[in-house]
C-alpha atoms as a PDB file:
ATOM      1  CA  MET A   1      -0.494 -12.950  19.319  1.00  0.00           C
ATOM      2  CA  LEU A   2      -0.509  -9.272  20.141  1.00  0.00           C
ATOM      3  CA  SER A   3       0.571  -8.563  23.695  1.00  0.00           C
ATOM      4  CA  LYS A   4      -1.621  -6.469  26.007  1.00  0.00           C
ATOM      5  CA  LYS A   5       0.970  -3.683  25.907  1.00  0.00           C
ATOM      6  CA  THR A   6       1.065  -3.659  22.075  1.00  0.00           C
ATOM      7  CA  LYS A   7      -2.735  -3.639  21.862  1.00  0.00           C
ATOM      8  CA  GLU A   8      -2.938  -0.703  24.267  1.00  0.00           C
ATOM      9  CA  SER A   9      -0.279   1.154  22.289  1.00  0.00           C
ATOM     10  CA  LEU A  10      -2.098   0.580  18.990  1.00  0.00           C
ATOM     11  CA  GLU A  11      -5.425   1.618  20.474  1.00  0.00           C
ATOM     12  CA  LYS A  12      -3.869   4.895  21.633  1.00  0.00           C
ATOM     13  CA  MET A  13      -3.008   5.469  17.972  1.00  0.00           C
ATOM     14  CA  HIS A  14      -6.693   4.866  17.097  1.00  0.00           C
ATOM     15  CA  TYR A  15      -6.317   1.345  15.728  1.00  0.00           C
ATOM     16  CA  GLY A  16      -9.292  -0.954  16.200  1.00  0.00           C
ATOM     17  CA  ILE A  17      -8.002  -4.424  17.129  1.00  0.00           C
ATOM     18  CA  ALA A  18      -9.882  -7.297  15.469  1.00  0.00           C
ATOM     19  CA  GLY A  19      -9.153 -10.714  16.926  1.00  0.00           C
ATOM     20  CA  ASN A  20      -5.623 -12.021  17.418  1.00  0.00           C
ATOM     21  CA  HIS A  21      -3.702 -10.352  14.608  1.00  0.00           C
ATOM     22  CA  SER A  22      -5.863  -7.988  12.560  1.00  0.00           C
ATOM     23  CA  ALA A  23      -6.612  -4.291  12.862  1.00  0.00           C
ATOM     24  CA  VAL A  24      -8.360  -1.356  11.204  1.00  0.00           C
ATOM     25  CA  GLN A  25      -7.897   2.399  11.270  1.00  0.00           C
ATOM     26  CA  VAL A  26      -9.975   5.225   9.827  1.00  0.00           C
ATOM     27  CA  CYS A  27      -7.867   6.974   7.208  1.00  0.00           C
ATOM     28  CA  ARG A  28      -7.513  10.768   7.184  1.00  0.00           C
ATOM     29  CA  TRP A  29      -9.027  10.848   3.697  1.00  0.00           C
ATOM     30  CA  THR A  30     -12.096   8.944   4.882  1.00  0.00           C
ATOM     31  CA  LYS A  31     -12.565  11.613   7.559  1.00  0.00           C
ATOM     32  CA  ASN A  32     -11.928  14.410   5.057  1.00  0.00           C
ATOM     33  CA  SER A  33     -14.485  12.961   2.664  1.00  0.00           C
ATOM     34  CA  LEU A  34     -17.126  12.795   5.391  1.00  0.00           C
ATOM     35  CA  ASN A  35     -16.332  16.386   6.407  1.00  0.00           C
ATOM     36  CA  GLY A  36     -16.482  17.658   2.821  1.00  0.00           C
ATOM     37  CA  LYS A  37     -12.754  18.466   2.774  1.00  0.00           C
ATOM     38  CA  GLY A  38     -11.792  16.475  -0.308  1.00  0.00           C
ATOM     39  CA  ALA A  39     -11.098  12.864  -1.166  1.00  0.00           C
ATOM     40  CA  CYS A  40      -8.157  10.501  -1.599  1.00  0.00           C
ATOM     41  CA  TRP A  41      -6.303  10.370  -4.914  1.00  0.00           C
ATOM     42  CA  LYS A  42      -7.658   6.835  -5.394  1.00  0.00           C
ATOM     43  CA  GLU A  43     -11.151   8.301  -5.735  1.00  0.00           C
ATOM     44  CA  LYS A  44      -9.951  10.767  -8.337  1.00  0.00           C
ATOM     45  CA  PHE A  45      -8.074   8.172 -10.398  1.00  0.00           C
ATOM     46  CA  TYR A  46      -9.843   4.867  -9.735  1.00  0.00           C
ATOM     47  CA  GLY A  47     -13.393   5.987  -8.958  1.00  0.00           C
ATOM     48  CA  ILE A  48     -13.350   4.648  -5.386  1.00  0.00           C
ATOM     49  CA  LYS A  49     -15.371   6.511  -2.748  1.00  0.00           C
ATOM     50  CA  SER A  50     -13.027   7.596   0.052  1.00  0.00           C
ATOM     51  CA  HIS A  51     -15.715   7.567   2.734  1.00  0.00           C
ATOM     52  CA  ARG A  52     -16.374   3.891   1.934  1.00  0.00           C
ATOM     53  CA  CYS A  53     -12.729   2.783   2.095  1.00  0.00           C
ATOM     54  CA  CYS A  54     -11.699   0.429   4.912  1.00  0.00           C
ATOM     55  CA  GLN A  55      -7.962   0.520   5.641  1.00  0.00           C
ATOM     56  CA  MET A  56      -7.049  -2.712   7.389  1.00  0.00           C
ATOM     57  CA  SER A  57      -4.467  -5.436   7.952  1.00  0.00           C
ATOM     58  CA  PRO A  58      -4.744  -9.183   8.675  1.00  0.00           C
ATOM     59  CA  ALA A  59      -1.158  -9.133  10.018  1.00  0.00           C
ATOM     60  CA  VAL A  60      -0.909  -5.762  11.720  1.00  0.00           C
ATOM     61  CA  MET A  61       2.383  -6.354  13.579  1.00  0.00           C
ATOM     62  CA  TRP A  62       4.011  -9.026  11.425  1.00  0.00           C
ATOM     63  CA  CYS A  63       6.544  -8.099   8.740  1.00  0.00           C
ATOM     64  CA  GLU A  64       9.899  -9.273   7.405  1.00  0.00           C
ATOM     65  CA  ASN A  65      11.189  -5.721   6.837  1.00  0.00           C
ATOM     66  CA  SER A  66      12.012  -2.658   8.907  1.00  0.00           C
ATOM     67  CA  CYS A  67      11.966  -0.064   6.124  1.00  0.00           C
ATOM     68  CA  LEU A  68      13.623   3.295   6.715  1.00  0.00           C
ATOM     69  CA  HIS A  69      10.660   5.261   5.378  1.00  0.00           C
ATOM     70  CA  CYS A  70       7.927   3.285   7.189  1.00  0.00           C
ATOM     71  CA  TRP A  71       5.805   5.473   9.458  1.00  0.00           C
ATOM     72  CA  ARG A  72       3.991   2.561  11.057  1.00  0.00           C
ATOM     73  CA  PRO A  73       5.099   1.190  14.488  1.00  0.00           C
ATOM     74  CA  ILE A  74       7.624  -1.302  13.094  1.00  0.00           C
ATOM     75  CA  THR A  75       9.521  -1.292  16.409  1.00  0.00           C
ATOM     76  CA  LYS A  76       6.554  -3.239  17.829  1.00  0.00           C
ATOM     77  CA  VAL A  77       6.636  -5.994  15.180  1.00  0.00           C
ATOM     78  CA  CYS A  78       5.844  -9.398  16.683  1.00  0.00           C
ATOM     79  CA  ASP A  79       7.631 -11.583  14.138  1.00  0.00           C
ATOM     80  CA  SER A  80       8.634 -11.987  10.498  1.00  0.00           C
ATOM     81  CA  ASN A  81       6.112 -14.831  10.058  1.00  0.00           C
ATOM     82  CA  MET A  82       2.836 -15.970  11.625  1.00  0.00           C
ATOM     83  CA  LYS A  83       3.785 -19.558  12.472  1.00  0.00           C
ATOM     84  CA  ASN A  84       3.361 -18.953  16.203  1.00  0.00           C
ATOM     85  CA  ALA A  85       0.222 -16.813  15.925  1.00  0.00           C
ATOM     86  CA  LYS A  86      -3.259 -18.069  16.739  1.00  0.00           C
ATOM     87  CA  ILE A  87      -4.887 -17.694  13.322  1.00  0.00           C
ATOM     88  CA  ASP A  88      -8.391 -16.242  13.015  1.00  0.00           C
ATOM     89  CA  GLU A  89     -10.849 -17.304  10.314  1.00  0.00           C
ATOM     90  CA  PRO A  90     -11.450 -14.900   7.381  1.00  0.00           C
ATOM     91  CA  LYS A  91     -15.167 -14.393   7.998  1.00  0.00           C
ATOM     92  CA  PHE A  92     -14.499 -13.594  11.655  1.00  0.00           C
ATOM     93  CA  ILE A  93     -11.815 -11.071  10.657  1.00  0.00           C
ATOM     94  CA  ILE A  94     -14.126  -9.182   8.288  1.00  0.00           C
ATOM     95  CA  GLU A  95     -16.959  -9.102  10.829  1.00  0.00           C
ATOM     96  CA  GLU A  96     -14.630  -7.832  13.582  1.00  0.00           C
ATOM     97  CA  ILE A  97     -12.975  -5.299  11.273  1.00  0.00           C
ATOM     98  CA  LEU A  98     -16.389  -3.836  10.392  1.00  0.00           C
ATOM     99  CA  LYS A  99     -17.432  -3.815  14.051  1.00  0.00           C
ATOM    100  CA  GLN A 100     -14.247  -2.030  15.143  1.00  0.00           C
ATOM    101  CA  ARG A 101     -14.384   0.421  12.247  1.00  0.00           C
ATOM    102  CA  LYS A 102     -17.987   1.334  13.051  1.00  0.00           C
ATOM    103  CA  LYS A 103     -16.963   1.936  16.667  1.00  0.00           C
ATOM    104  CA  LEU A 104     -14.113   4.220  15.550  1.00  0.00           C
ATOM    105  CA  MET A 105     -16.555   6.213  13.398  1.00  0.00           C
ATOM    106  CA  THR A 106     -19.285   6.615  16.025  1.00  0.00           C
ATOM    107  CA  GLY A 107     -18.514  10.303  16.570  1.00  0.00           C
ATOM    108  CA  PHE A 108     -19.375  11.156  12.980  1.00  0.00           C
ATOM    109  CA  LYS A 109     -22.940   9.924  13.390  1.00  0.00           C
ATOM    110  CA  GLY A 110     -23.878  12.792  15.700  1.00  0.00           C
ATOM    111  CA  ASP A 111     -22.129  15.519  13.693  1.00  0.00           C
ATOM    112  CA  LYS A 112     -24.863  17.657  12.137  1.00  0.00           C
ATOM    113  CA  LYS A 113     -22.460  18.922   9.447  1.00  0.00           C
ATOM    114  CA  ILE A 114     -22.131  15.414   8.003  1.00  0.00           C
ATOM    115  CA  SER A 115     -24.690  13.945   5.629  1.00  0.00           C
ATOM    116  CA  ARG A 116     -26.606  11.108   7.291  1.00  0.00           C
ATOM    117  CA  LYS A 117     -26.698   9.299   3.950  1.00  0.00           C
ATOM    118  CA  LYS A 118     -22.927   9.560   3.584  1.00  0.00           C
ATOM    119  CA  TYR A 119     -22.340   8.378   7.154  1.00  0.00           C
ATOM    120  CA  PHE A 120     -24.487   5.246   6.735  1.00  0.00           C
ATOM    121  CA  GLU A 121     -22.741   4.538   3.423  1.00  0.00           C
ATOM    122  CA  SER A 122     -19.374   4.848   5.165  1.00  0.00           C
ATOM    123  CA  ILE A 123     -20.068   2.033   7.626  1.00  0.00           C
ATOM    124  CA  GLU A 124     -20.689  -0.307   4.681  1.00  0.00           C
ATOM    125  CA  PRO A 125     -17.270  -0.247   2.925  1.00  0.00           C
ATOM    126  CA  THR A 126     -16.991  -0.898  -0.801  1.00  0.00           C
ATOM    127  CA  LEU A 127     -13.178  -1.043  -0.684  1.00  0.00           C
ATOM    128  CA  PHE A 128     -10.968  -3.040   1.682  1.00  0.00           C
ATOM    129  CA  THR A 129      -7.367  -1.935   1.300  1.00  0.00           C
ATOM    130  CA  PHE A 130      -4.662  -4.083   2.910  1.00  0.00           C
ATOM    131  CA  SER A 131      -2.220  -1.238   3.488  1.00  0.00           C
ATOM    132  CA  LEU A 132      -2.531  -0.393   7.169  1.00  0.00           C
ATOM    133  CA  SER A 133       0.534  -1.993   8.756  1.00  0.00           C
ATOM    134  CA  GLY A 134       2.413  -5.276   8.545  1.00  0.00           C
ATOM    135  CA  GLU A 135       2.686  -7.592   5.537  1.00  0.00           C
ATOM    136  CA  PRO A 136      -0.698  -9.029   4.398  1.00  0.00           C
ATOM    137  CA  THR A 137       0.769 -11.965   2.451  1.00  0.00           C
ATOM    138  CA  LEU A 138       1.970 -13.478   5.747  1.00  0.00           C
ATOM    139  CA  TYR A 139      -1.639 -14.239   6.725  1.00  0.00           C
ATOM    140  CA  PRO A 140      -2.044 -17.929   5.725  1.00  0.00           C
ATOM    141  CA  LYS A 141      -5.727 -17.677   4.716  1.00  0.00           C
ATOM    142  CA  LEU A 142      -5.391 -14.581   2.554  1.00  0.00           C
ATOM    143  CA  GLY A 143      -7.185 -16.107  -0.438  1.00  0.00           C
ATOM    144  CA  GLU A 144     -10.233 -16.988   1.646  1.00  0.00           C
ATOM    145  CA  LEU A 145     -10.218 -13.464   3.106  1.00  0.00           C
ATOM    146  CA  ILE A 146     -10.281 -11.926  -0.377  1.00  0.00           C
ATOM    147  CA  LYS A 147     -13.158 -14.231  -1.328  1.00  0.00           C
ATOM    148  CA  GLU A 148     -15.092 -13.039   1.749  1.00  0.00           C
ATOM    149  CA  ILE A 149     -14.629  -9.456   0.545  1.00  0.00           C
ATOM    150  CA  ARG A 150     -15.761 -10.414  -2.940  1.00  0.00           C
ATOM    151  CA  LYS A 151     -18.936 -11.968  -1.495  1.00  0.00           C
ATOM    152  CA  ARG A 152     -19.773  -8.480  -0.236  1.00  0.00           C
ATOM    153  CA  LYS A 153     -19.322  -7.171  -3.791  1.00  0.00           C
ATOM    154  CA  ALA A 154     -16.478  -4.994  -2.530  1.00  0.00           C
ATOM    155  CA  VAL A 155     -13.115  -4.080  -4.057  1.00  0.00           C
ATOM    156  CA  SER A 156      -9.890  -5.429  -2.515  1.00  0.00           C
ATOM    157  CA  PHE A 157      -6.480  -3.745  -2.754  1.00  0.00           C
ATOM    158  CA  ILE A 158      -3.329  -5.440  -1.485  1.00  0.00           C
ATOM    159  CA  VAL A 159      -0.055  -3.573  -0.963  1.00  0.00           C
ATOM    160  CA  THR A 160       2.815  -6.022  -0.461  1.00  0.00           C
ATOM    161  CA  ASN A 161       6.572  -5.898   0.030  1.00  0.00           C
ATOM    162  CA  GLY A 162       6.906  -8.620  -2.613  1.00  0.00           C
ATOM    163  CA  LEU A 163       8.777 -11.120  -0.441  1.00  0.00           C
ATOM    164  CA  ASN A 164       6.256 -13.935  -0.816  1.00  0.00           C
ATOM    165  CA  PRO A 165       5.981 -14.797  -4.537  1.00  0.00           C
ATOM    166  CA  ARG A 166       4.625 -18.267  -3.689  1.00  0.00           C
ATOM    167  CA  VAL A 167       1.631 -16.625  -2.015  1.00  0.00           C
ATOM    168  CA  LEU A 168       0.912 -14.618  -5.174  1.00  0.00           C
ATOM    169  CA  LYS A 169       1.011 -17.829  -7.219  1.00  0.00           C
ATOM    170  CA  LYS A 170      -1.279 -19.508  -4.687  1.00  0.00           C
ATOM    171  CA  LEU A 171      -3.801 -16.656  -4.947  1.00  0.00           C
ATOM    172  CA  GLU A 172      -3.799 -17.094  -8.720  1.00  0.00           C
ATOM    173  CA  LYS A 173      -4.276 -20.866  -8.419  1.00  0.00           C
ATOM    174  CA  GLU A 174      -7.149 -20.400  -5.941  1.00  0.00           C
ATOM    175  CA  LYS A 175      -8.712 -17.740  -8.193  1.00  0.00           C
ATOM    176  CA  SER A 176      -8.609 -15.367  -5.250  1.00  0.00           C
ATOM    177  CA  LEU A 177      -6.433 -12.538  -6.540  1.00  0.00           C
ATOM    178  CA  PRO A 178      -7.385  -9.078  -5.245  1.00  0.00           C
ATOM    179  CA  THR A 179      -8.949  -6.420  -7.452  1.00  0.00           C
ATOM    180  CA  GLN A 180      -5.581  -4.649  -7.458  1.00  0.00           C
ATOM    181  CA  LEU A 181      -2.161  -5.932  -6.431  1.00  0.00           C
ATOM    182  CA  THR A 182       0.530  -3.370  -5.604  1.00  0.00           C
ATOM    183  CA  ILE A 183       4.184  -4.172  -4.967  1.00  0.00           C
ATOM    184  CA  SER A 184       6.265  -1.573  -3.110  1.00  0.00           C
ATOM    185  CA  MET A 185       9.537  -0.775  -4.860  1.00  0.00           C
ATOM    186  CA  ASN A 186      11.690   1.572  -2.808  1.00  0.00           C
ATOM    187  CA  ALA A 187      15.176   0.578  -3.941  1.00  0.00           C
ATOM    188  CA  PRO A 188      16.189  -0.492  -7.472  1.00  0.00           C
ATOM    189  CA  ASN A 189      19.401  -2.374  -6.710  1.00  0.00           C
ATOM    190  CA  GLU A 190      20.498  -5.000  -4.182  1.00  0.00           C
ATOM    191  CA  LYS A 191      22.927  -2.801  -2.272  1.00  0.00           C
ATOM    192  CA  LEU A 192      20.412  -0.032  -1.590  1.00  0.00           C
ATOM    193  CA  TYR A 193      17.633  -2.584  -1.026  1.00  0.00           C
ATOM    194  CA  LYS A 194      19.496  -4.180   1.891  1.00  0.00           C
ATOM    195  CA  ILE A 195      20.137  -0.802   3.516  1.00  0.00           C
ATOM    196  CA  TRP A 196      16.621   0.485   2.913  1.00  0.00           C
ATOM    197  CA  HIS A 197      14.554  -2.486   4.014  1.00  0.00           C
ATOM    198  CA  ASN A 198      16.650  -4.081   6.779  1.00  0.00           C
ATOM    199  CA  SER A 199      14.960  -7.367   5.961  1.00  0.00           C
ATOM    200  CA  LYS A 200      15.058 -10.414   8.216  1.00  0.00           C
ATOM    201  CA  ASN A 201      14.710 -12.500   5.057  1.00  0.00           C
ATOM    202  CA  LYS A 202      18.229 -13.306   3.839  1.00  0.00           C
ATOM    203  CA  ASN A 203      16.907 -13.894   0.302  1.00  0.00           C
ATOM    204  CA  ALA A 204      14.772 -10.741   0.255  1.00  0.00           C
ATOM    205  CA  TRP A 205      16.192  -9.239  -2.949  1.00  0.00           C
ATOM    206  CA  LYS A 206      15.879 -12.570  -4.779  1.00  0.00           C
ATOM    207  CA  GLU A 207      12.296 -13.124  -3.590  1.00  0.00           C
ATOM    208  CA  PHE A 208      11.355  -9.536  -4.449  1.00  0.00           C
ATOM    209  CA  ASN A 209      12.537 -10.049  -8.033  1.00  0.00           C
ATOM    210  CA  LYS A 210      10.611 -13.326  -8.238  1.00  0.00           C
ATOM    211  CA  SER A 211       7.447 -11.436  -7.264  1.00  0.00           C
ATOM    212  CA  LEU A 212       8.039  -8.980 -10.100  1.00  0.00           C
ATOM    213  CA  GLU A 213       8.257 -11.929 -12.489  1.00  0.00           C
ATOM    214  CA  VAL A 214       5.026 -13.361 -11.054  1.00  0.00           C
ATOM    215  CA  MET A 215       3.320  -9.990 -11.482  1.00  0.00           C
ATOM    216  CA  LYS A 216       4.077 -10.110 -15.203  1.00  0.00           C
ATOM    217  CA  THR A 217       2.230 -13.441 -15.509  1.00  0.00           C
ATOM    218  CA  LEU A 218      -0.883 -11.992 -13.828  1.00  0.00           C
ATOM    219  CA  LYS A 219      -1.705  -9.680 -16.720  1.00  0.00           C
ATOM    220  CA  GLY A 220      -5.455  -9.601 -17.275  1.00  0.00           C
ATOM    221  CA  LYS A 221      -6.115 -11.537 -14.046  1.00  0.00           C
ATOM    222  CA  THR A 222      -5.819  -8.613 -11.638  1.00  0.00           C
ATOM    223  CA  ARG A 223      -4.968  -4.922 -11.822  1.00  0.00           C
ATOM    224  CA  ARG A 224      -1.232  -4.560 -11.184  1.00  0.00           C
ATOM    225  CA  ALA A 225       0.716  -1.604  -9.800  1.00  0.00           C
ATOM    226  CA  ILE A 226       4.221  -0.748  -8.651  1.00  0.00           C
ATOM    227  CA  ARG A 227       4.567   1.881  -5.918  1.00  0.00           C
ATOM    228  CA  LEU A 228       7.642   4.042  -5.380  1.00  0.00           C
ATOM    229  CA  THR A 229       7.915   6.132  -2.192  1.00  0.00           C
ATOM    230  CA  LEU A 230      10.638   8.681  -2.842  1.00  0.00           C
ATOM    231  CA  VAL A 231      12.909  10.149  -0.154  1.00  0.00           C
ATOM    232  CA  LYS A 232      15.214  12.951  -1.197  1.00  0.00           C
ATOM    233  CA  PRO A 233      18.782  13.534   0.086  1.00  0.00           C
ATOM    234  CA  SER A 234      19.514  15.942   2.915  1.00  0.00           C
ATOM    235  CA  ILE A 235      22.185  18.600   3.344  1.00  0.00           C
ATOM    236  CA  ASN A 236      22.596  17.385   6.937  1.00  0.00           C
ATOM    237  CA  LYS A 237      25.838  15.426   7.320  1.00  0.00           C
ATOM    238  CA  LYS A 238      24.453  12.575   9.432  1.00  0.00           C
ATOM    239  CA  GLU A 239      25.166   9.214   7.787  1.00  0.00           C
ATOM    240  CA  ILE A 240      21.484   8.273   7.394  1.00  0.00           C
ATOM    241  CA  ASN A 241      20.801  11.564   5.633  1.00  0.00           C
ATOM    242  CA  ALA A 242      23.146  10.568   2.832  1.00  0.00           C
ATOM    243  CA  ILE A 243      20.796   7.676   1.984  1.00  0.00           C
ATOM    244  CA  ASN A 244      18.150   8.489  -0.599  1.00  0.00           C
ATOM    245  CA  ASN A 245      16.269   6.598  -3.292  1.00  0.00           C
ATOM    246  CA  MET A 246      15.521   9.336  -5.829  1.00  0.00           C
ATOM    247  CA  SER A 247      18.841  10.248  -7.385  1.00  0.00           C
ATOM    248  CA  ASP A 248      18.768  10.616 -11.179  1.00  0.00           C
ATOM    249  CA  GLU A 249      21.124   7.702 -11.776  1.00  0.00           C
ATOM    250  CA  LEU A 250      18.570   5.328 -10.223  1.00  0.00           C
ATOM    251  CA  THR A 251      15.808   6.015 -12.761  1.00  0.00           C
ATOM    252  CA  SER A 252      17.165   3.571 -15.345  1.00  0.00           C
ATOM    253  CA  GLN A 253      17.465   0.876 -12.640  1.00  0.00           C
ATOM    254  CA  TYR A 254      13.870   1.441 -11.523  1.00  0.00           C
ATOM    255  CA  ALA A 255      12.760   1.256 -15.150  1.00  0.00           C
ATOM    256  CA  SER A 256      14.567  -2.058 -15.625  1.00  0.00           C
ATOM    257  CA  LEU A 257      12.735  -3.617 -12.662  1.00  0.00           C
ATOM    258  CA  ILE A 258       9.386  -2.162 -13.711  1.00  0.00           C
ATOM    259  CA  LYS A 259       9.805  -3.599 -17.201  1.00  0.00           C
ATOM    260  CA  LYS A 260      10.372  -6.991 -15.595  1.00  0.00           C
ATOM    261  CA  ALA A 261       6.959  -6.777 -13.897  1.00  0.00           C
ATOM    262  CA  GLU A 262       5.080  -5.046 -16.748  1.00  0.00           C
ATOM    263  CA  PRO A 263       2.487  -3.478 -14.393  1.00  0.00           C
ATOM    264  CA  ASP A 264      -0.594  -1.580 -15.482  1.00  0.00           C
ATOM    265  CA  PHE A 265       0.282   1.422 -13.320  1.00  0.00           C
ATOM    266  CA  VAL A 266       3.227   2.958 -11.494  1.00  0.00           C
ATOM    267  CA  HIS A 267       2.511   5.131  -8.459  1.00  0.00           C
ATOM    268  CA  VAL A 268       5.298   7.647  -7.868  1.00  0.00           C
ATOM    269  CA  LYS A 269       4.760   9.074  -4.381  1.00  0.00           C
ATOM    270  CA  GLY A 270       6.598  11.493  -2.128  1.00  0.00           C
ATOM    271  CA  PHE A 271       7.651  10.404   1.378  1.00  0.00           C
ATOM    272  CA  LYS A 272       6.039  12.138   4.344  1.00  0.00           C
ATOM    273  CA  SER A 273       7.888  12.528   7.647  1.00  0.00           C
ATOM    274  CA  ILE A 274       5.092  11.347   9.939  1.00  0.00           C
ATOM    275  CA  GLY A 275       4.650   8.789  12.690  1.00  0.00           C
ATOM    276  CA  TYR A 276       7.632   6.596  13.481  1.00  0.00           C
ATOM    277  CA  SER A 277       9.500   7.577  10.301  1.00  0.00           C
ATOM    278  CA  ARG A 278      10.359  10.898  11.984  1.00  0.00           C
ATOM    279  CA  LYS A 279      12.883   9.005  14.088  1.00  0.00           C
ATOM    280  CA  ARG A 280      14.854   8.255  10.930  1.00  0.00           C
ATOM    281  CA  PHE A 281      14.077  10.964   8.359  1.00  0.00           C
ATOM    282  CA  ASP A 282      13.505  14.675   9.049  1.00  0.00           C
ATOM    283  CA  TYR A 283      11.047  16.940   7.254  1.00  0.00           C
ATOM    284  CA  ASP A 284      13.718  18.051   4.781  1.00  0.00           C
ATOM    285  CA  ARG A 285      13.660  14.513   3.332  1.00  0.00           C
ATOM    286  CA  GLN A 286      10.147  15.109   1.994  1.00  0.00           C
ATOM    287  CA  PRO A 287      10.243  15.880  -1.738  1.00  0.00           C
ATOM    288  CA  PHE A 288       8.006  18.676  -2.980  1.00  0.00           C
ATOM    289  CA  TYR A 289       5.250  17.736  -5.435  1.00  0.00           C
ATOM    290  CA  GLU A 290       7.178  19.422  -8.274  1.00  0.00           C
ATOM    291  CA  GLU A 291      10.199  17.221  -7.490  1.00  0.00           C
ATOM    292  CA  VAL A 292       8.068  14.052  -7.536  1.00  0.00           C
ATOM    293  CA  LEU A 293       6.492  15.117 -10.836  1.00  0.00           C
ATOM    294  CA  ASP A 294       9.930  15.813 -12.312  1.00  0.00           C
ATOM    295  CA  TYR A 295      11.201  12.394 -11.181  1.00  0.00           C
ATOM    296  CA  ALA A 296       8.116  10.687 -12.610  1.00  0.00           C
ATOM    297  CA  LYS A 297       8.837  12.317 -15.974  1.00  0.00           C
ATOM    298  CA  LYS A 298      12.448  11.079 -15.893  1.00  0.00           C
ATOM    299  CA  LEU A 299      11.258   7.580 -15.018  1.00  0.00           C
ATOM    300  CA  MET A 300       8.692   7.722 -17.808  1.00  0.00           C
ATOM    301  CA  PHE A 301      11.456   8.643 -20.263  1.00  0.00           C
ATOM    302  CA  GLU A 302      13.473   5.579 -19.172  1.00  0.00           C
ATOM    303  CA  LEU A 303      10.421   3.317 -19.427  1.00  0.00           C
ATOM    304  CA  ASN A 304       9.862   4.437 -23.004  1.00  0.00           C
ATOM    305  CA  LYS A 305      13.487   3.860 -24.029  1.00  0.00           C
ATOM    306  CA  ASN A 306      14.451   0.746 -25.987  1.00  0.00           C
ATOM    307  CA  THR A 307      10.982  -0.767 -25.913  1.00  0.00           C
ATOM    308  CA  ASN A 308       8.995  -2.605 -28.565  1.00  0.00           C
ATOM    309  CA  SER A 309       5.673  -1.499 -27.116  1.00  0.00           C
ATOM    310  CA  LYS A 310       3.495   0.506 -29.509  1.00  0.00           C
ATOM    311  CA  ILE A 311       1.771   2.251 -26.580  1.00  0.00           C
ATOM    312  CA  PRO A 312       4.071   4.584 -24.619  1.00  0.00           C
ATOM    313  CA  TRP A 313       4.015   5.200 -20.892  1.00  0.00           C
ATOM    314  CA  LYS A 314       2.455   8.528 -19.973  1.00  0.00           C
ATOM    315  CA  ILE A 315       1.164  10.465 -16.982  1.00  0.00           C
ATOM    316  CA  LEU A 316      -2.397   9.292 -16.351  1.00  0.00           C
ATOM    317  CA  GLY A 317      -3.018  11.308 -13.209  1.00  0.00           C
ATOM    318  CA  LYS A 318      -1.403  13.595 -10.665  1.00  0.00           C
ATOM    319  CA  GLU A 319      -2.460  15.000  -7.315  1.00  0.00           C
ATOM    320  CA  ASN A 320      -0.560  17.808  -5.611  1.00  0.00           C
ATOM    321  CA  ARG A 321      -2.091  17.370  -2.134  1.00  0.00           C
ATOM    322  CA  SER A 322      -1.158  13.701  -1.954  1.00  0.00           C
ATOM    323  CA  CYS A 323       2.169  14.264  -3.720  1.00  0.00           C
ATOM    324  CA  VAL A 324       1.541  11.415  -6.156  1.00  0.00           C
ATOM    325  CA  VAL A 325       1.833  10.866  -9.908  1.00  0.00           C
ATOM    326  CA  VAL A 326       0.393   7.821 -11.668  1.00  0.00           C
ATOM    327  CA  LEU A 327       2.056   6.486 -14.811  1.00  0.00           C
ATOM    328  CA  GLY A 328       0.383   4.061 -17.187  1.00  0.00           C
ATOM    329  CA  LYS A 329      -0.537   3.487 -20.809  1.00  0.00           C
ATOM    330  CA  ASN A 330      -4.322   3.688 -21.017  1.00  0.00           C
ATOM    331  CA  LYS A 331      -6.337   6.253 -19.070  1.00  0.00           C
ATOM    332  CA  LYS A 332      -9.567   4.362 -19.795  1.00  0.00           C
ATOM    333  CA  ASP A 333      -8.212   1.444 -17.739  1.00  0.00           C
ATOM    334  CA  MET A 334      -7.986   3.482 -14.529  1.00  0.00           C
ATOM    335  CA  LYS A 335     -11.605   3.441 -13.373  1.00  0.00           C
ATOM    336  CA  ILE A 336     -12.491   0.142 -11.697  1.00  0.00           C
ATOM    337  CA  LYS A 337     -15.217  -1.784 -13.500  1.00  0.00           C
ATOM    338  CA  LYS A 338     -17.784  -4.082 -11.858  1.00  0.00           C
ATOM    339  CA  GLU A 339     -16.328  -7.148 -13.565  1.00  0.00           C
ATOM    340  CA  GLU A 340     -12.906  -6.424 -11.996  1.00  0.00           C
ATOM    341  CA  ILE A 341     -14.185  -6.839  -8.444  1.00  0.00           C
END
């Protein structure tokens, strides 16, 4: 369970605590959308409405990894599993998440600059994205939670570290896969992986590769994506500044892993020095959009090498403000259809 001190710390960072282990936060892009200042790249590419996106976690302070680039409060992690946590029921979690999110958004209701229609839409989310903090696949009733979201005719996105392939298989067996499954890939070889993720799981690299193999088998059953968060090298001579995951020689290694998973999309994103990540990486580790775009093109070249596929990888979308490039094969597959929910 979350301690009183941890709860107070999270609440100061504008997290809404839901039950014993879940939390919600109102994303900057949700606020921007309500204020008429633009929308998230997911709206542009996938057709999702940013003001109706609920960013949440059913395991807010539980994770096996302590990733170098993570800007969430990983120093406050309770455990690498939820065996000792008092587990809340899925329906209760959703109800509490919505209650806490509505409370966090109360101030928008009285803002005369914001459309009343848009505000009331915003408190009825059509997307629940499990990308807030912690590792969602550690929550033991994840399948039931996804089914609760589906009952509301809402989209579910899960972003996972890929260390629990058995959970992915279980979701498939239970017919409770999310609308879109994303695996984070921030290091393409075992040596860099161990440095980058500082995992408490001794078999992390092995389990991660198993998840990529599972992802391949889920073709047509859920939308599948691989996400790269790129951190560029620094001229500073501190040891940690010599560590980066976007050198040119790594592109072929990334491509090899991606081919193993055969995802529908690859998100190539630039790291941002915000939150707790500032303790590890300075602002000069943030790649410019042009550098991310250039790296995405190099990765695309490697993905299209020595392949039997008749459809080549290409750039399906790019967004300067979010410093992200999306690779894929069919642009018509990007927009989420009703039958995919």
